[in-house]
Protein backbone atom coordinates (compact mmCIF):
# COMPACT_ATOMS: atom_id res chain seq x y z
CA UNK A 1 -13.99 -1.89 -18.86
CA UNK A 2 -16.35 -2.96 -21.63
CA UNK A 3 -18.79 -5.86 -21.39
CA UNK A 4 -16.32 -8.42 -22.72
CA UNK A 5 -13.58 -7.38 -20.29
CA UNK A 6 -15.66 -7.32 -17.11
CA UNK A 7 -17.49 -10.55 -17.91
CA UNK A 8 -20.92 -9.15 -17.02
CA UNK A 9 -23.66 -8.93 -19.60
CA UNK A 10 -25.04 -5.41 -20.12
CA UNK A 11 -22.47 -3.90 -17.73
CA UNK A 12 -19.98 -1.26 -18.81
CA UNK A 13 -17.61 0.34 -16.29
CA UNK A 14 -16.25 3.86 -16.76
CA UNK A 15 -13.68 5.37 -14.43
CA UNK A 16 -14.80 8.97 -14.11
CA UNK A 17 -15.66 11.67 -11.61
CA UNK A 18 -19.40 12.40 -11.38
CA UNK A 19 -19.71 16.19 -11.48
CA UNK A 20 -23.43 16.93 -11.79
CA UNK A 21 -26.86 15.63 -12.79
CA UNK A 22 -28.69 15.93 -16.11
CA UNK A 23 -32.31 16.84 -15.31
CA UNK A 24 -35.63 17.63 -16.95
CA UNK A 25 -37.26 20.06 -14.55
CA UNK A 26 -40.97 20.53 -13.93
CA UNK A 27 -43.72 20.20 -11.32
CA UNK A 28 -45.60 17.05 -10.38
CA UNK A 29 -43.38 14.69 -12.37
CA UNK A 30 -44.23 10.98 -12.18
CA UNK A 31 -41.64 8.39 -11.22
CA UNK A 32 -40.84 5.39 -13.39
CA UNK A 33 -41.50 3.10 -10.43
CA UNK A 34 -44.35 4.56 -8.34
CA UNK A 35 -44.89 3.29 -4.84
CA UNK A 36 -48.39 2.09 -5.54
CA UNK A 37 -51.10 1.57 -2.97
CA UNK A 38 -50.77 -1.82 -1.23
CA UNK A 39 -53.91 -3.11 -2.95
CA UNK A 40 -52.40 -2.36 -6.35
CA UNK A 41 -49.23 -4.21 -5.40
CA UNK A 42 -51.13 -7.26 -4.21
CA UNK A 43 -53.16 -7.35 -7.41
CA UNK A 44 -49.98 -7.24 -9.48
CA UNK A 45 -48.55 -10.17 -7.57
CA UNK A 46 -51.85 -12.06 -7.75
CA UNK A 47 -51.73 -11.87 -11.54
CA UNK A 48 -48.30 -13.47 -11.40
CA UNK A 49 -49.44 -16.10 -8.91
CA UNK A 50 -47.07 -15.02 -6.17
CA UNK A 51 -49.32 -14.86 -3.11
CA UNK A 52 -51.33 -11.65 -3.13
CA UNK A 53 -52.38 -11.77 0.53
CA UNK A 54 -48.83 -12.20 1.79
CA UNK A 55 -47.57 -9.32 -0.33
CA UNK A 56 -50.46 -7.05 0.67
CA UNK A 57 -49.68 -7.55 4.37
CA UNK A 58 -45.95 -7.09 3.86
CA UNK A 59 -46.32 -3.84 1.99
CA UNK A 60 -49.19 -2.25 3.91
CA UNK A 61 -46.88 -0.27 6.19
CA UNK A 62 -43.98 0.27 3.82
CA UNK A 63 -45.54 1.68 0.65
CA UNK A 64 -46.65 5.28 0.31
CA UNK A 65 -49.17 6.74 -2.10
CA UNK A 66 -47.74 7.59 -5.53
CA UNK A 67 -49.77 10.81 -5.66
CA UNK A 68 -48.41 12.09 -2.34
CA UNK A 69 -44.85 11.86 -3.60
CA UNK A 70 -45.66 13.11 -7.09
CA UNK A 71 -46.75 16.53 -5.82
CA UNK A 72 -43.26 17.09 -4.36
CA UNK A 73 -41.28 16.12 -7.45
CA UNK A 74 -39.50 18.96 -9.21
CA UNK A 75 -37.49 17.09 -11.86
CA UNK A 76 -36.80 13.79 -13.60
CA UNK A 77 -33.30 12.37 -13.96
CA UNK A 78 -31.85 12.29 -17.47
CA UNK A 79 -28.30 11.21 -16.69
CA UNK A 80 -25.03 12.45 -15.20
CA UNK A 81 -22.19 14.78 -16.16
CA UNK A 82 -18.79 13.21 -15.58
CA UNK A 83 -15.10 13.90 -16.13
CA UNK A 84 -13.23 10.94 -17.64
CA UNK A 85 -10.39 10.05 -15.25
CA UNK A 86 -7.96 9.24 -18.05
CA UNK A 87 -8.77 11.81 -20.77
CA UNK A 88 -10.12 14.56 -18.44
CA UNK A 89 -12.89 15.13 -20.98
CA UNK A 90 -16.40 16.21 -19.95
CA UNK A 91 -18.91 13.53 -20.89
CA UNK A 92 -22.66 13.20 -20.55
CA UNK A 93 -24.09 9.77 -19.74
CA UNK A 94 -27.82 9.53 -20.33
CA UNK A 95 -29.90 7.23 -18.17
CA UNK A 96 -33.49 6.80 -17.06
CA UNK A 97 -32.36 6.04 -13.49
CA UNK A 98 -29.26 7.01 -11.50
CA UNK A 99 -28.01 5.74 -8.14
CA UNK A 100 -25.76 8.16 -6.22
CA UNK A 101 -23.28 6.43 -3.92
CA UNK A 102 -20.99 9.36 -3.17
CA UNK A 103 -19.43 7.89 -0.03
CA UNK A 104 -17.20 10.56 1.51
CA UNK A 105 -16.87 12.59 -1.72
CA UNK A 106 -19.80 15.01 -1.38
CA UNK A 107 -17.89 18.28 -0.70
CA UNK A 108 -15.30 16.13 1.07
CA UNK A 109 -12.47 17.70 3.10
CA UNK A 110 -9.47 15.58 4.20
CA UNK A 111 -7.62 16.37 7.44
CA UNK A 112 -4.30 15.40 8.99
CA UNK A 113 -3.54 17.44 12.08
CA UNK A 114 -4.41 21.05 11.30
CA UNK A 115 -3.90 20.54 7.55
CA UNK A 116 -7.14 20.61 5.53
CA UNK A 117 -7.47 19.96 1.81
CA UNK A 118 -10.33 19.14 -0.56
CA UNK A 119 -10.79 15.49 -1.51
CA UNK A 120 -12.96 12.42 -1.17
CA UNK A 121 -10.13 10.07 -0.21
CA UNK A 122 -6.48 9.26 -0.88
CA UNK A 123 -5.82 6.88 -3.73
CA UNK A 124 -4.73 3.44 -2.55
CA UNK A 125 -0.93 3.13 -2.26
CA UNK A 126 -0.51 6.76 -3.30
CA UNK A 127 -0.24 10.28 -1.91
CA UNK A 128 -2.63 11.50 -4.61
CA UNK A 129 -6.11 12.63 -3.68
CA UNK A 130 -9.34 11.90 -5.52
CA UNK A 131 -11.27 15.18 -5.96
CA UNK A 132 -14.57 15.80 -4.14
CA UNK A 133 -18.00 16.06 -5.77
CA UNK A 134 -18.92 19.73 -5.37
CA UNK A 135 -21.32 20.18 -8.31
CA UNK A 136 -23.52 17.32 -7.09
CA UNK A 137 -23.77 18.90 -3.64
CA UNK A 138 -24.74 22.26 -5.09
CA UNK A 139 -27.44 20.70 -7.28
CA UNK A 140 -28.92 18.79 -4.35
CA UNK A 141 -28.85 22.00 -2.32
CA UNK A 142 -30.63 23.89 -5.13
CA UNK A 143 -33.47 21.37 -5.07
CA UNK A 144 -33.90 21.76 -1.33
CA UNK A 145 -32.38 18.49 -0.14
CA UNK A 146 -31.55 18.82 3.58
CA UNK A 147 -27.76 18.45 3.85
CA UNK A 148 -25.61 17.93 6.93
CA UNK A 149 -21.96 17.16 7.73
CA UNK A 150 -20.57 13.85 9.01
CA UNK A 151 -17.02 12.62 9.45
CA UNK A 152 -15.14 9.36 9.49
CA UNK A 153 -11.51 8.34 9.68
CA UNK A 154 -9.08 5.68 8.57
CA UNK A 155 -5.94 4.64 10.48
CA UNK A 156 -2.39 4.76 9.19
CA UNK A 157 -1.19 1.82 7.09
CA UNK A 158 1.86 0.05 8.51
CA UNK A 159 4.78 -1.76 6.88
CA UNK A 160 4.39 -5.38 7.98
CA UNK A 161 8.11 -6.00 7.48
CA UNK A 162 8.85 -3.64 10.39
CA UNK A 163 6.47 -5.33 12.88
CA UNK A 164 7.74 -7.74 15.56
CA UNK A 165 5.03 -10.33 14.98
CA UNK A 166 6.40 -12.68 17.66
CA UNK A 167 5.61 -10.07 20.32
CA UNK A 168 1.95 -9.97 19.28
CA UNK A 169 -0.82 -12.48 19.94
CA UNK A 170 -1.77 -14.54 16.89
CA UNK A 171 -5.42 -14.53 15.82
CA UNK A 172 -5.64 -17.47 13.38
CA UNK A 173 -8.28 -17.78 10.70
CA UNK A 174 -11.28 -19.96 11.50
CA UNK A 175 -11.04 -23.53 10.24
CA UNK A 176 -13.07 -24.91 8.70
CA UNK A 177 -13.98 -21.55 7.19
CA UNK A 178 -17.74 -21.05 6.82
CA UNK A 179 -18.71 -19.62 3.40
CA UNK A 180 -21.39 -16.95 3.02
CA UNK A 181 -22.95 -18.96 0.18
CA UNK A 182 -25.71 -21.32 1.32
CA UNK A 183 -25.04 -23.36 -1.84
CA UNK A 184 -21.45 -23.96 -0.74
CA UNK A 185 -22.65 -24.67 2.79
CA UNK A 186 -25.07 -27.30 1.50
CA UNK A 187 -22.18 -28.98 -0.33
CA UNK A 188 -19.96 -28.83 2.75
CA UNK A 189 -17.43 -26.65 0.88
CA UNK A 190 -15.09 -24.01 2.23
CA UNK A 191 -14.48 -20.68 0.46
CA UNK A 192 -12.09 -21.25 -2.48
CA UNK A 193 -8.97 -19.66 -0.96
CA UNK A 194 -9.55 -21.38 2.38
CA UNK A 195 -9.98 -24.73 0.61
CA UNK A 196 -6.46 -24.47 -0.85
CA UNK A 197 -4.94 -23.23 2.42
CA UNK A 198 -4.35 -19.61 1.39
CA UNK A 199 -5.28 -18.07 4.72
CA UNK A 200 -3.83 -15.05 6.52
CA UNK A 201 -3.43 -14.74 10.26
CA UNK A 202 -4.16 -11.49 12.06
CA UNK A 203 -2.39 -10.46 15.25
CA UNK A 204 -3.40 -8.60 18.39
CA UNK A 205 -1.50 -5.82 20.10
CA UNK A 206 -2.70 -3.14 22.49
CA UNK A 207 -2.17 0.38 23.69
CA UNK A 208 -0.77 1.15 27.14
CA UNK A 209 -0.55 4.04 29.59
CA UNK A 210 2.34 5.63 27.69
CA UNK A 211 0.24 5.47 24.51
CA UNK A 212 -2.72 7.08 26.24
CA UNK A 213 -0.58 9.89 27.64
CA UNK A 214 0.59 10.81 24.13
CA UNK A 215 -2.96 10.53 22.74
CA UNK A 216 -4.14 13.14 25.25
CA UNK A 217 -1.00 15.31 25.29
CA UNK A 218 -1.19 15.87 21.53
CA UNK A 219 -4.97 16.28 21.34
CA UNK A 220 -4.53 19.99 20.57
CA UNK A 221 -3.04 18.97 17.20
CA UNK A 222 -6.20 17.16 16.06
CA UNK A 223 -8.34 18.76 13.29
CA UNK A 224 -11.09 21.30 13.75
CA UNK A 225 -14.25 20.15 11.99
CA UNK A 226 -17.24 21.94 10.47
CA UNK A 227 -19.81 19.90 12.41
CA UNK A 228 -20.63 19.72 16.13
CA UNK A 229 -18.93 23.03 17.01
CA UNK A 230 -15.57 21.86 15.71
CA UNK A 231 -15.70 18.40 17.30
CA UNK A 232 -17.00 16.63 14.20
CA UNK A 233 -19.97 14.26 13.96
CA UNK A 234 -18.34 10.83 13.65
CA UNK A 235 -19.39 7.19 14.11
CA UNK A 236 -20.36 6.57 17.72
CA UNK A 237 -19.58 2.86 17.54
CA UNK A 238 -16.10 2.84 15.94
CA UNK A 239 -14.45 5.78 17.68
CA UNK A 240 -10.95 7.12 17.11
CA UNK A 241 -8.22 6.23 19.59
CA UNK A 242 -8.57 9.73 21.05
CA UNK A 243 -12.30 9.23 21.69
CA UNK A 244 -11.68 5.84 23.31
CA UNK A 245 -9.04 7.20 25.67
CA UNK A 246 -11.18 10.25 26.47
CA UNK A 247 -14.39 8.29 27.14
CA UNK A 248 -12.81 5.40 29.03
CA UNK A 249 -10.16 7.16 31.08
CA UNK A 250 -10.19 4.36 33.67
CA UNK A 251 -8.85 1.84 31.14
CA UNK A 252 -5.10 1.28 30.85
CA UNK A 253 -5.21 -0.33 27.38
CA UNK A 254 -7.30 -0.85 24.25
CA UNK A 255 -6.90 -3.71 21.79
CA UNK A 256 -5.75 -3.21 18.23
CA UNK A 257 -5.89 -5.99 15.64
CA UNK A 258 -3.16 -5.97 13.00
CA UNK A 259 -4.80 -7.07 9.76
CA UNK A 260 -2.68 -7.78 6.64
CA UNK A 261 -4.44 -6.13 3.69
CA UNK A 262 -3.98 -9.00 1.23
CA UNK A 263 -2.09 -12.04 0.03
CA UNK A 264 0.45 -10.11 -2.02
CA UNK A 265 1.22 -7.02 0.05
CA UNK A 266 3.16 -6.09 3.20
CA UNK A 267 0.69 -3.33 4.13
CA UNK A 268 -1.05 -3.84 7.48
CA UNK A 269 -4.28 -2.21 8.72
CA UNK A 270 -4.15 -1.47 12.51
CA UNK A 271 -7.83 -1.85 13.37
CA UNK A 272 -9.02 0.45 16.15
CA UNK A 273 -6.25 3.01 15.79
CA UNK A 274 -7.69 5.78 13.65
CA UNK A 275 -6.50 9.21 14.75
CA UNK A 276 -5.63 12.07 12.36
CA UNK A 277 -2.66 13.44 14.30
CA UNK A 278 0.29 14.87 12.34
CA UNK A 279 2.25 11.99 10.83
CA UNK A 280 5.19 12.26 13.23
CA UNK A 281 2.80 12.04 16.20
CA UNK A 282 1.04 9.02 14.72
CA UNK A 283 4.44 7.30 14.46
CA UNK A 284 5.24 8.05 18.13
CA UNK A 285 1.88 6.64 19.23
CA UNK A 286 2.33 3.42 17.26
CA UNK A 287 5.90 2.90 18.43
CA UNK A 288 4.74 2.95 22.05
CA UNK A 289 2.76 -0.26 21.47
CA UNK A 290 3.86 -3.88 21.88
CA UNK A 291 5.43 -5.29 18.72
CA UNK A 292 5.51 -1.89 17.01
CA UNK A 293 8.68 -0.40 18.53
CA UNK A 294 10.37 -0.12 15.13
CA UNK A 295 7.32 0.11 12.92
CA UNK A 296 7.26 2.35 9.85
CA UNK A 297 4.17 4.08 8.48
CA UNK A 298 3.43 3.55 4.80
CA UNK A 299 0.65 6.17 4.73
CA UNK A 300 -0.59 8.31 7.65
CA UNK A 301 -4.16 8.07 8.85
CA UNK A 302 -6.57 10.89 8.11
CA UNK A 303 -10.14 12.02 8.69
CA UNK A 304 -12.65 13.11 6.07
CA UNK A 305 -15.70 15.32 6.59
CA UNK A 306 -18.45 15.22 3.97
CA UNK A 307 -22.06 16.13 3.17
CA UNK A 308 -24.95 13.72 3.61
CA UNK A 309 -28.64 13.93 2.79
CA UNK A 310 -31.26 13.48 5.50
CA UNK A 311 -32.78 10.17 4.30
CA UNK A 312 -36.33 11.20 5.21
CA UNK A 313 -36.51 12.68 1.69
CA UNK A 314 -36.39 9.11 0.27
CA UNK A 315 -39.05 6.48 -0.29
CA UNK A 316 -38.62 2.86 0.81
CA UNK A 317 -37.15 2.11 -2.63
CA UNK A 318 -34.45 4.74 -1.87
CA UNK A 319 -35.70 6.94 -4.70
CA UNK A 320 -35.72 10.65 -3.85
CA UNK A 321 -39.12 12.31 -3.46
CA UNK A 322 -37.90 15.48 -5.18
CA UNK A 323 -36.21 14.07 -8.32
CA UNK A 324 -37.82 11.13 -10.10
CA UNK A 325 -35.40 8.38 -11.10
CA UNK A 326 -32.67 9.53 -8.66
CA UNK A 327 -31.77 6.99 -5.96
CA UNK A 328 -29.34 7.38 -3.04
CA UNK A 329 -27.39 4.66 -1.23
CA UNK A 330 -24.60 4.43 1.32
CA UNK A 331 -22.94 7.20 3.30
CA UNK A 332 -24.87 9.87 1.41
CA UNK A 333 -27.90 8.58 3.37
CA UNK A 334 -26.14 9.09 6.72
CA UNK A 335 -25.01 5.51 7.35
CA UNK A 336 -21.59 4.16 8.27
CA UNK A 337 -20.20 0.71 7.55
CA UNK A 338 -19.63 -1.51 4.50
CA UNK A 339 -22.60 -3.77 5.15
CA UNK A 340 -25.00 -0.86 5.60
CA UNK A 341 -23.83 0.62 2.29
CA UNK A 342 -24.04 -2.71 0.48
CA UNK A 343 -27.56 -3.33 1.78
CA UNK A 344 -28.77 0.01 0.43
CA UNK A 345 -26.99 -0.62 -2.86
CA UNK A 346 -28.98 -3.82 -3.35
CA UNK A 347 -32.33 -2.08 -2.85
CA UNK A 348 -31.53 1.11 -4.76
CA UNK A 349 -29.82 -0.78 -7.59
CA UNK A 350 -32.62 -3.32 -7.93
CA UNK A 351 -35.34 -0.69 -8.07
CA UNK A 352 -33.41 1.66 -10.36
CA UNK A 353 -32.48 -1.14 -12.73
CA UNK A 354 -35.97 -2.63 -12.88
CA UNK A 355 -37.57 0.80 -13.40
CA UNK A 356 -35.13 1.84 -16.13
CA UNK A 357 -35.43 -1.52 -17.86
CA UNK A 358 -39.23 -1.42 -17.92
CA UNK A 359 -39.22 2.17 -19.19
CA UNK A 360 -36.76 1.30 -21.96
CA UNK A 361 -39.04 -1.52 -23.07
CA UNK A 362 -42.17 0.69 -22.81
CA UNK A 363 -43.59 -1.62 -20.16
CA UNK A 364 -45.71 -0.77 -17.13
CA UNK A 365 -43.79 0.33 -14.02
CA UNK A 366 -42.50 -2.68 -12.07
CA UNK A 367 -43.66 -3.65 -8.59
CA UNK A 368 -41.21 -1.96 -6.15
CA UNK A 369 -38.68 -4.21 -4.43
CA UNK A 370 -39.10 -3.39 -0.74
CA UNK A 371 -38.15 -5.50 2.28
CA UNK A 372 -40.19 -5.25 5.48
CA UNK A 373 -38.89 -4.98 9.03
CA UNK A 374 -40.07 -8.54 9.62
CA UNK A 375 -38.20 -9.87 6.59
CA UNK A 376 -34.65 -8.61 6.85
CA UNK A 377 -32.25 -6.30 8.66
CA UNK A 378 -32.13 -4.43 5.34
CA UNK A 379 -35.82 -3.68 5.88
CA UNK A 380 -35.16 -2.38 9.40
CA UNK A 381 -32.24 -0.25 8.21
CA UNK A 382 -34.14 1.43 5.39
CA UNK A 383 -37.35 1.88 7.36
CA UNK A 384 -35.40 3.57 10.18
CA UNK A 385 -33.65 5.88 7.72
CA UNK A 386 -36.62 7.00 5.63
CA UNK A 387 -39.08 7.38 8.52
CA UNK A 388 -36.85 8.69 11.35
CA UNK A 389 -33.83 10.10 9.55
CA UNK A 390 -30.50 10.30 11.38
CA UNK A 391 -28.45 13.02 13.05
CA UNK A 392 -25.26 10.93 13.32
CA UNK A 393 -23.66 8.10 11.30
CA UNK A 394 -26.20 5.25 11.47
CA UNK A 395 -25.10 1.67 12.09
CA UNK A 396 -27.30 -1.42 12.05
CA UNK A 397 -27.65 -3.45 15.26
CA UNK A 398 -29.70 -6.53 16.06
CA UNK A 399 -31.27 -4.54 18.90
CA UNK A 400 -32.96 -2.25 16.35
CA UNK A 401 -35.03 -5.16 14.94
CA UNK A 402 -38.30 -6.22 16.54
CA UNK A 403 -38.05 -9.61 14.76
CA UNK A 404 -34.39 -10.28 15.56
CA UNK A 405 -35.10 -13.82 16.83
CA UNK A 406 -36.25 -14.89 13.37
CA UNK A 407 -33.80 -12.76 11.36
CA UNK A 408 -30.81 -15.11 11.40
CA UNK A 409 -27.91 -15.87 9.09
CA UNK A 410 -28.90 -19.55 8.92
CA UNK A 411 -32.31 -18.77 7.40
CA UNK A 412 -31.39 -15.83 5.16
CA UNK A 413 -31.82 -17.95 2.03
CA UNK A 414 -35.27 -19.11 3.17
CA UNK A 415 -36.35 -15.55 3.90
CA UNK A 416 -35.03 -13.76 0.85
CA UNK A 417 -34.13 -15.99 -2.11
CA UNK A 418 -37.73 -16.64 -3.16
CA UNK A 419 -38.50 -12.95 -2.94
CA UNK A 420 -35.47 -12.16 -5.05
CA UNK A 421 -36.67 -14.64 -7.65
CA UNK A 422 -40.14 -13.09 -7.71
CA UNK A 423 -38.58 -9.74 -8.64
CA UNK A 424 -36.23 -11.21 -11.23
CA UNK A 425 -33.13 -10.70 -9.08
CA UNK A 426 -32.27 -14.38 -8.55
CA UNK A 427 -32.14 -16.56 -11.65
CA UNK A 428 -29.36 -19.04 -10.86
CA UNK A 429 -30.94 -22.54 -11.20
CA UNK A 430 -28.55 -24.02 -8.63
CA UNK A 431 -29.52 -21.46 -5.99
CA UNK A 432 -33.22 -21.99 -6.64
CA UNK A 433 -32.77 -25.76 -6.52
CA UNK A 434 -30.93 -25.46 -3.20
CA UNK A 435 -33.78 -23.32 -1.87
CA UNK A 436 -36.36 -25.91 -2.97
CA UNK A 437 -34.42 -28.56 -1.10
CA UNK A 438 -34.17 -26.42 2.04
CA UNK A 439 -37.88 -25.57 1.96
CA UNK A 440 -38.84 -29.26 1.87
CA UNK A 441 -36.60 -30.16 4.84
């Protein structure tokens, strides 16, 4: 999509497979956005009149010395090599900053039963597979990035027309629906689709003893993984149905929530039922559950095992210490979950964009956009990753935050909007006006 089609100024979208990085190699290369000493950061903010003392205290723990990281840098990013999805042509896209969000594609392997095949994921509503990113993994390996293997899974998709909805427990949408936007909240508005009554109900079903017997009887047909001696290193907090039955053998049932995937589709997502058994076994397991006696599978569930980078090789801006201008975000950093990935995307994208923009305009490097542990769960997430690393898929919990009493959804705008404006990330006059009003209350 070009700029006119996507409606976003300065944004062009290309559907392509990222194959490798374009690099200028050397020793001791400087970044475009150095993590300056805290005193330098506070002086920069003081010049802009944004509260030098507050910034100095916020950054004192989070920011590293630019010189310490510079000695480790072996290259500077120059762009990416990609294969156009439509034309299959090799293209080079030059850029002063690149954010890698490889998800499950980094040397990804898909698995159903004992079948293994290369891929990052199945295309939506298709049997086709999107190819993995192998060249990227090899380049990261060549530069000494510490790589490991993680896995995740997705459940089968069900045909909603074959579900006995009356036998399941309805889980209606919340009314009035609370919008994420504090601007809409201040106006007393619902989200647009909720306001016009276009809501979807989910339904609850559950496994039973017959389900659990099949889950365990057919366990020998589950995949063999590369990690954890063949067991696979998956998310601890959203386990497969096999893991739930194995760990909680005393339980006679586990809930599953049947979630329609959209307004204009019959496809249903059975939350809590991932398990990469052969397709015919998946069907038997589902048909043992209440309301699913005649269900049909649209697409079988599968697991994917992929490379990740130990995030201790990143700074708090999510820039790599080895390659200047290269930022990582999402599952490549060892996390699991949409919100965790989105949070990293905000920080990596903001810092990469600001650094590249300043360099293109021949301006001084921008002040890094870093959130502290006392400011946001994003700050806790990133600080945990870059200081402690992770040996399993990382998920954010309130219990990880020392300041969880003050980090609440109802004050997110008070905590973060002003900071976003200071870094040029929030420019909407209505949002800033709403913040002014909230701050005076």
